[in-house]
Amino acid sequence: MSMREMVVLGTASQTPTRLRNHNGYLLRWDDEVILFDPGEGSQRQLLHTGVTATDLTRICVTHFHGDHCLGLPGTIQRLSLDRVPHPVAVHFPAGGAEYFARLRHASSFHETAELAVEPITADGQRIALGVGTLEARRLRHPIETYGYRLVEPDGCRVLPERLSAYGIGGPAVGELLRVGHLDVGGRRVTRDEVSVVRPGQRFAFVMDTGLCDGVYALAEHADLLVIESTFLASEAALAAEVGHLTAGQAARVATESGVRTLVLTHFSQRYADPRRFHDEAREHFTGELVVAEDLTVVPVPPRRVASPG
């Protein structure tokens, strides 16, 4: 059975805390199981999710600061230890290829897993998946950084009442959808006359960055946006200086981009009360809001349904 959900492995920025593991995010999207930014401890956090290394199909790294990548050595070695039978794609900023090579071979092990290493070389790079398109967009951070979004193509939803009005049923419905039109009683009926667009679902993943065009491009019409909110507004100047977002900025991005569910994460260890992130974000965003905790599970919202024209 297909499943679309995001599992949070860790929510701390820079250093883990007693309550927050380093970064790590797992997206289950039908046959794709994508691990984003595996920080230190991600392999152990996976044990709490019911997902194994064998389930992984893809790893995406936004950048090579330690809290976003120091879990790579253990994860990669686990793929070989478990003899994962399928290739696992790995995406990361091409400028960090040397860091990836060092992390991949950080210690001695017998490599049996097949990694399909596919670096991100350009802003807007697209990767075709069986479930849609994975797109990378450049973000604003002191080192080369990309965010990712997964976009499912639009489909269509047939309107039974319109099929009935034209006297179309049985195998003729399949022919109409496949060909795009059908001649009925001397009249040509098109697919558009008996259906509406079923918008594809969209997931966006935005980590360490200041506000920039890439943030909005990734967040546009996302059903589920996972976005860093390292700081609160009281540290807005510091956030801008070091290339990070505040909870309020993240929330405004979500509102302006038409996001349905907003997940805040990557919190500075200086804040002990997560409710402060919720309260600040709620001033700017009225949709579904999640202040992530380790091992939070967030389902992708059901597809949007367009109204008949």
Protein backbone atom coordinates (compact mmCIF):
# COMPACT_ATOMS: atom_id res chain seq x y z
CA MET A 1 0.00 0.00 0.00
CA SER A 2 1.38 3.40 -0.96
CA MET A 3 2.33 5.76 1.83
CA ARG A 4 3.31 9.39 1.80
CA GLU A 5 4.70 10.79 5.03
CA MET A 6 7.72 12.50 6.49
CA VAL A 7 9.48 11.08 9.55
CA VAL A 8 11.70 13.41 11.57
CA LEU A 9 14.88 11.72 12.84
CA GLY A 10 16.41 14.81 14.45
CA THR A 11 15.67 18.49 14.90
CA ALA A 12 18.77 20.12 16.41
CA SER A 13 20.99 22.61 14.62
CA GLN A 14 24.77 22.61 14.96
CA THR A 15 24.92 20.40 18.08
CA PRO A 16 22.56 17.74 19.46
CA THR A 17 20.92 18.23 22.84
CA ARG A 18 19.50 15.88 25.45
CA LEU A 19 16.14 16.06 23.70
CA ARG A 20 17.11 16.67 20.09
CA ASN A 21 19.24 14.54 17.79
CA HIS A 22 21.23 16.00 14.93
CA ASN A 23 19.27 16.56 11.70
CA GLY A 24 17.75 13.72 9.74
CA TYR A 25 14.52 13.45 7.75
CA LEU A 26 12.94 10.48 6.03
CA LEU A 27 10.38 10.89 3.24
CA ARG A 28 8.25 7.88 2.39
CA TRP A 29 6.59 8.52 -0.97
CA ASP A 30 5.16 5.38 -2.54
CA ASP A 31 8.13 3.34 -3.72
CA GLU A 32 10.65 6.08 -2.91
CA VAL A 33 12.19 6.24 0.56
CA ILE A 34 14.45 9.29 0.68
CA LEU A 35 16.81 10.16 3.51
CA PHE A 36 17.54 13.89 3.75
CA ASP A 37 20.55 15.36 5.57
CA PRO A 38 21.60 12.44 7.78
CA GLY A 39 23.35 14.02 10.73
CA GLU A 40 25.22 12.20 13.47
CA GLY A 41 23.03 9.52 15.05
CA SER A 42 20.65 9.12 12.11
CA GLN A 43 21.36 5.41 11.79
CA ARG A 44 20.26 4.83 15.38
CA GLN A 45 17.20 7.05 15.00
CA LEU A 46 16.10 4.92 12.06
CA LEU A 47 15.74 1.99 14.45
CA HIS A 48 12.77 3.78 16.01
CA THR A 49 10.92 4.25 12.72
CA GLY A 50 10.41 0.76 11.36
CA VAL A 51 12.40 1.76 8.27
CA THR A 52 15.63 -0.12 7.55
CA ALA A 53 18.63 0.71 5.40
CA THR A 54 17.31 -1.80 2.89
CA ASP A 55 14.23 0.39 2.40
CA LEU A 56 16.25 3.45 1.34
CA THR A 57 16.18 4.32 -2.34
CA ARG A 58 17.83 7.75 -2.27
CA ILE A 59 19.89 10.09 -0.06
CA CYS A 60 19.81 13.88 -0.50
CA VAL A 61 22.32 16.18 1.20
CA THR A 62 21.73 19.93 1.17
CA HIS A 63 25.29 20.91 2.14
CA PHE A 64 28.37 19.70 3.95
CA HIS A 65 28.14 21.31 7.35
CA GLY A 66 28.56 18.54 9.91
CA ASP A 67 25.06 18.55 11.37
CA HIS A 68 23.71 17.70 7.93
CA CYS A 69 26.14 15.01 6.81
CA LEU A 70 28.09 13.33 9.61
CA GLY A 71 25.61 10.46 9.58
CA LEU A 72 26.61 9.56 6.03
CA PRO A 73 29.51 7.21 6.90
CA GLY A 74 27.39 4.98 9.12
CA THR A 75 24.44 5.03 6.76
CA ILE A 76 26.54 4.16 3.73
CA GLN A 77 28.37 1.36 5.54
CA ARG A 78 25.05 -0.01 6.78
CA LEU A 79 23.86 -0.30 3.17
CA SER A 80 26.76 -2.66 2.52
CA LEU A 81 26.44 -4.51 5.83
CA ASP A 82 22.79 -5.25 5.03
CA ARG A 83 23.66 -6.05 1.40
CA VAL A 84 20.99 -3.76 0.01
CA PRO A 85 20.10 -5.36 -3.33
CA HIS A 86 19.19 -2.21 -5.28
CA PRO A 87 21.17 0.90 -6.25
CA VAL A 88 20.79 3.84 -3.86
CA ALA A 89 21.08 7.27 -5.48
CA VAL A 90 22.97 9.98 -3.63
CA HIS A 91 22.60 13.70 -4.41
CA PHE A 92 24.72 16.50 -2.96
CA PRO A 93 26.25 19.82 -4.07
CA ALA A 94 28.90 19.03 -6.69
CA GLY A 95 31.30 21.49 -5.05
CA GLY A 96 31.37 19.22 -2.00
CA ALA A 97 32.43 16.10 -3.91
CA GLU A 98 35.67 15.85 -1.92
CA TYR A 99 33.77 15.94 1.36
CA PHE A 100 31.44 13.23 0.11
CA ALA A 101 34.36 11.04 -0.94
CA ARG A 102 35.94 11.38 2.51
CA LEU A 103 32.68 10.59 4.29
CA ARG A 104 31.97 7.64 2.02
CA HIS A 105 35.31 6.07 2.88
CA ALA A 106 35.72 7.42 6.41
CA SER A 107 36.80 4.00 7.71
CA SER A 108 37.62 0.54 6.49
CA PHE A 109 34.68 -1.62 5.39
CA HIS A 110 33.77 -4.09 2.66
CA GLU A 111 31.68 -2.12 0.18
CA THR A 112 29.02 -4.25 -1.47
CA ALA A 113 26.19 -1.75 -1.91
CA GLU A 114 25.82 0.10 -5.20
CA LEU A 115 25.67 3.88 -4.83
CA ALA A 116 24.46 5.87 -7.82
CA VAL A 117 26.35 9.09 -7.16
CA GLU A 118 24.53 11.96 -8.88
CA PRO A 119 25.82 15.38 -7.71
CA ILE A 120 23.79 18.57 -8.14
CA THR A 121 25.67 20.73 -10.62
CA ALA A 122 23.21 23.52 -11.38
CA ASP A 123 20.38 25.53 -9.88
CA GLY A 124 17.08 24.06 -11.04
CA GLN A 125 18.52 20.63 -11.83
CA ARG A 126 15.78 18.04 -12.23
CA ILE A 127 15.91 14.32 -11.65
CA ALA A 128 13.17 12.13 -13.09
CA LEU A 129 11.72 9.63 -10.63
CA GLY A 130 9.00 7.06 -11.11
CA VAL A 131 6.76 9.08 -8.78
CA GLY A 132 7.48 12.53 -10.20
CA THR A 133 10.38 14.97 -10.46
CA LEU A 134 12.99 15.82 -7.84
CA GLU A 135 14.20 19.40 -8.28
CA ALA A 136 17.14 21.13 -6.58
CA ARG A 137 17.33 24.89 -6.05
CA ARG A 138 20.29 26.95 -4.85
CA LEU A 139 19.96 28.47 -1.38
CA ARG A 140 21.83 31.29 0.39
CA HIS A 141 24.30 29.97 2.94
CA PRO A 142 28.06 30.46 3.51
CA ILE A 143 28.81 27.24 1.60
CA GLU A 144 27.20 25.72 -1.50
CA THR A 145 23.71 24.60 -0.48
CA TYR A 146 20.68 23.25 -2.31
CA GLY A 147 17.13 22.58 -1.21
CA TYR A 148 14.95 19.93 -2.80
CA ARG A 149 11.35 19.48 -3.80
CA LEU A 150 9.44 16.48 -5.11
CA VAL A 151 6.64 17.26 -7.55
CA GLU A 152 4.08 14.73 -8.69
CA PRO A 153 2.63 15.42 -12.17
CA ASP A 154 -0.96 16.53 -12.36
CA GLY A 155 -3.58 13.92 -13.15
CA CYS A 156 -7.30 14.11 -13.78
CA ARG A 157 -10.46 13.24 -11.88
CA VAL A 158 -13.38 11.96 -13.93
CA LEU A 159 -16.80 13.45 -13.18
CA PRO A 160 -19.39 10.63 -13.26
CA GLU A 161 -22.31 13.01 -13.69
CA ARG A 162 -20.80 14.42 -16.89
CA LEU A 163 -20.05 10.95 -18.26
CA SER A 164 -23.67 10.05 -17.60
CA ALA A 165 -24.92 13.22 -19.30
CA TYR A 166 -23.06 12.23 -22.48
CA GLY A 167 -24.10 8.59 -22.21
CA ILE A 168 -20.53 7.35 -21.77
CA GLY A 169 -19.81 4.27 -19.71
CA GLY A 170 -17.94 0.98 -19.56
CA PRO A 171 -14.84 0.52 -21.74
CA ALA A 172 -15.61 3.79 -23.55
CA VAL A 173 -14.49 5.70 -20.45
CA GLY A 174 -11.00 4.21 -20.66
CA GLU A 175 -10.82 4.98 -24.38
CA LEU A 176 -11.83 8.60 -23.79
CA LEU A 177 -9.17 9.04 -21.11
CA ARG A 178 -6.49 7.31 -23.17
CA VAL A 179 -7.16 9.01 -26.52
CA GLY A 180 -8.38 12.34 -25.18
CA HIS A 181 -11.70 12.39 -27.04
CA LEU A 182 -14.59 10.16 -28.06
CA ASP A 183 -17.27 10.52 -30.76
CA VAL A 184 -20.71 9.96 -29.24
CA GLY A 185 -23.99 10.43 -31.13
CA GLY A 186 -22.39 12.57 -33.81
CA ARG A 187 -20.61 14.78 -31.27
CA ARG A 188 -16.99 14.73 -30.17
CA VAL A 189 -16.62 14.72 -26.39
CA THR A 190 -13.19 15.68 -25.05
CA ARG A 191 -11.53 14.49 -21.87
CA ASP A 192 -11.59 18.05 -20.50
CA GLU A 193 -15.39 18.10 -20.75
CA VAL A 194 -15.79 15.15 -18.38
CA SER A 195 -12.94 15.67 -15.93
CA VAL A 196 -11.08 18.20 -13.83
CA VAL A 197 -7.39 18.50 -13.10
CA ARG A 198 -6.23 16.56 -10.05
CA PRO A 199 -3.21 18.54 -8.85
CA GLY A 200 -0.16 16.44 -8.09
CA GLN A 201 1.23 16.55 -4.57
CA ARG A 202 4.35 18.54 -3.71
CA PHE A 203 6.91 18.14 -0.94
CA ALA A 204 9.61 20.74 -0.24
CA PHE A 205 12.73 20.52 1.91
CA VAL A 206 14.50 23.78 2.79
CA MET A 207 17.45 23.73 5.14
CA ASP A 208 20.17 26.23 6.07
CA THR A 209 19.51 29.43 4.17
CA GLY A 210 18.70 33.09 4.34
CA LEU A 211 15.73 34.40 2.40
CA CYS A 212 16.31 34.08 -1.35
CA ASP A 213 14.49 33.21 -4.57
CA GLY A 214 15.33 29.54 -4.14
CA VAL A 215 13.36 29.34 -0.90
CA TYR A 216 10.19 30.59 -2.59
CA ALA A 217 10.72 28.43 -5.69
CA LEU A 218 10.91 25.33 -3.52
CA ALA A 219 7.96 26.26 -1.29
CA GLU A 220 5.58 27.22 -4.11
CA HIS A 221 2.24 25.43 -3.58
CA ALA A 222 3.87 22.75 -1.42
CA ASP A 223 1.46 20.42 0.30
CA LEU A 224 4.16 19.78 2.90
CA LEU A 225 7.05 22.16 3.55
CA VAL A 226 9.85 21.15 5.91
CA ILE A 227 11.90 24.27 6.60
CA GLU A 228 14.58 25.41 9.00
CA SER A 229 13.70 27.98 11.64
CA THR A 230 16.95 28.13 13.53
CA PHE A 231 16.22 31.42 15.29
CA LEU A 232 13.42 33.55 16.66
CA ALA A 233 12.81 37.14 15.59
CA SER A 234 14.87 38.45 18.52
CA GLU A 235 17.95 37.06 16.73
CA ALA A 236 16.93 38.16 13.21
CA ALA A 237 20.15 40.09 12.68
CA LEU A 238 22.25 37.07 13.61
CA ALA A 239 20.12 34.86 11.36
CA ALA A 240 20.76 37.13 8.39
CA GLU A 241 24.48 37.25 9.15
CA VAL A 242 24.96 33.48 9.24
CA GLY A 243 22.47 32.48 6.54
CA HIS A 244 19.50 31.15 8.50
CA LEU A 245 15.77 31.82 8.94
CA THR A 246 13.62 32.82 11.85
CA ALA A 247 10.33 31.08 12.62
CA GLY A 248 8.45 34.17 11.48
CA GLN A 249 10.29 34.30 8.16
CA ALA A 250 9.63 30.63 7.51
CA ALA A 251 5.94 31.15 8.28
CA ARG A 252 5.69 34.14 5.95
CA VAL A 253 7.30 32.11 3.17
CA ALA A 254 4.68 29.42 3.71
CA THR A 255 1.81 31.90 3.58
CA GLU A 256 3.09 33.72 0.52
CA SER A 257 3.78 30.42 -1.28
CA GLY A 258 0.43 28.76 -0.62
CA VAL A 259 1.80 25.99 1.62
CA ARG A 260 -0.75 23.69 3.27
CA THR A 261 1.28 22.05 6.05
CA LEU A 262 4.31 23.79 7.54
CA VAL A 263 6.92 21.86 9.53
CA LEU A 264 9.47 23.93 11.47
CA THR A 265 12.76 22.31 12.49
CA HIS A 266 16.55 22.82 12.92
CA PHE A 267 16.30 24.74 16.20
CA SER A 268 19.18 26.50 17.92
CA GLN A 269 20.08 24.95 21.24
CA ARG A 270 19.71 28.39 22.87
CA TYR A 271 15.93 27.94 23.01
CA ALA A 272 14.49 25.60 25.63
CA ASP A 273 10.79 26.16 24.94
CA PRO A 274 9.59 25.02 21.46
CA ARG A 275 6.26 26.78 21.96
CA ARG A 276 8.01 30.04 21.20
CA PHE A 277 8.55 28.87 17.60
CA HIS A 278 4.89 27.91 17.32
CA ASP A 279 3.68 31.24 18.67
CA GLU A 280 5.94 33.29 16.41
CA ALA A 281 5.03 31.30 13.31
CA ARG A 282 1.31 31.39 14.08
CA GLU A 283 1.36 35.17 13.80
CA HIS A 284 2.06 34.75 10.08
CA PHE A 285 0.63 31.37 9.05
CA THR A 286 -2.89 30.01 9.58
CA GLY A 287 -2.53 26.56 8.01
CA GLU A 288 -1.48 23.27 9.58
CA LEU A 289 1.60 24.00 11.68
CA VAL A 290 3.99 21.45 13.20
CA VAL A 291 6.92 22.33 15.45
CA ALA A 292 8.91 19.17 14.92
CA GLU A 293 10.15 16.93 17.69
CA ASP A 294 12.42 13.94 17.15
CA LEU A 295 10.48 11.02 15.66
CA THR A 296 7.51 13.18 14.70
CA VAL A 297 5.57 11.65 11.79
CA VAL A 298 3.80 14.08 9.47
CA PRO A 299 1.53 12.74 6.71
CA VAL A 300 1.48 14.47 3.34
CA PRO A 301 -1.98 16.11 3.12
CA PRO A 302 -4.50 14.56 0.71
CA ARG A 303 -4.41 15.84 -2.84
CA ARG A 304 -6.03 19.14 -3.59
CA VAL A 305 -9.21 18.72 -5.62
CA ALA A 306 -10.07 21.28 -8.27
CA SER A 307 -13.71 22.32 -8.54
CA PRO A 308 -15.54 21.50 -11.78
CA GLY A 309 -15.56 24.39 -14.19
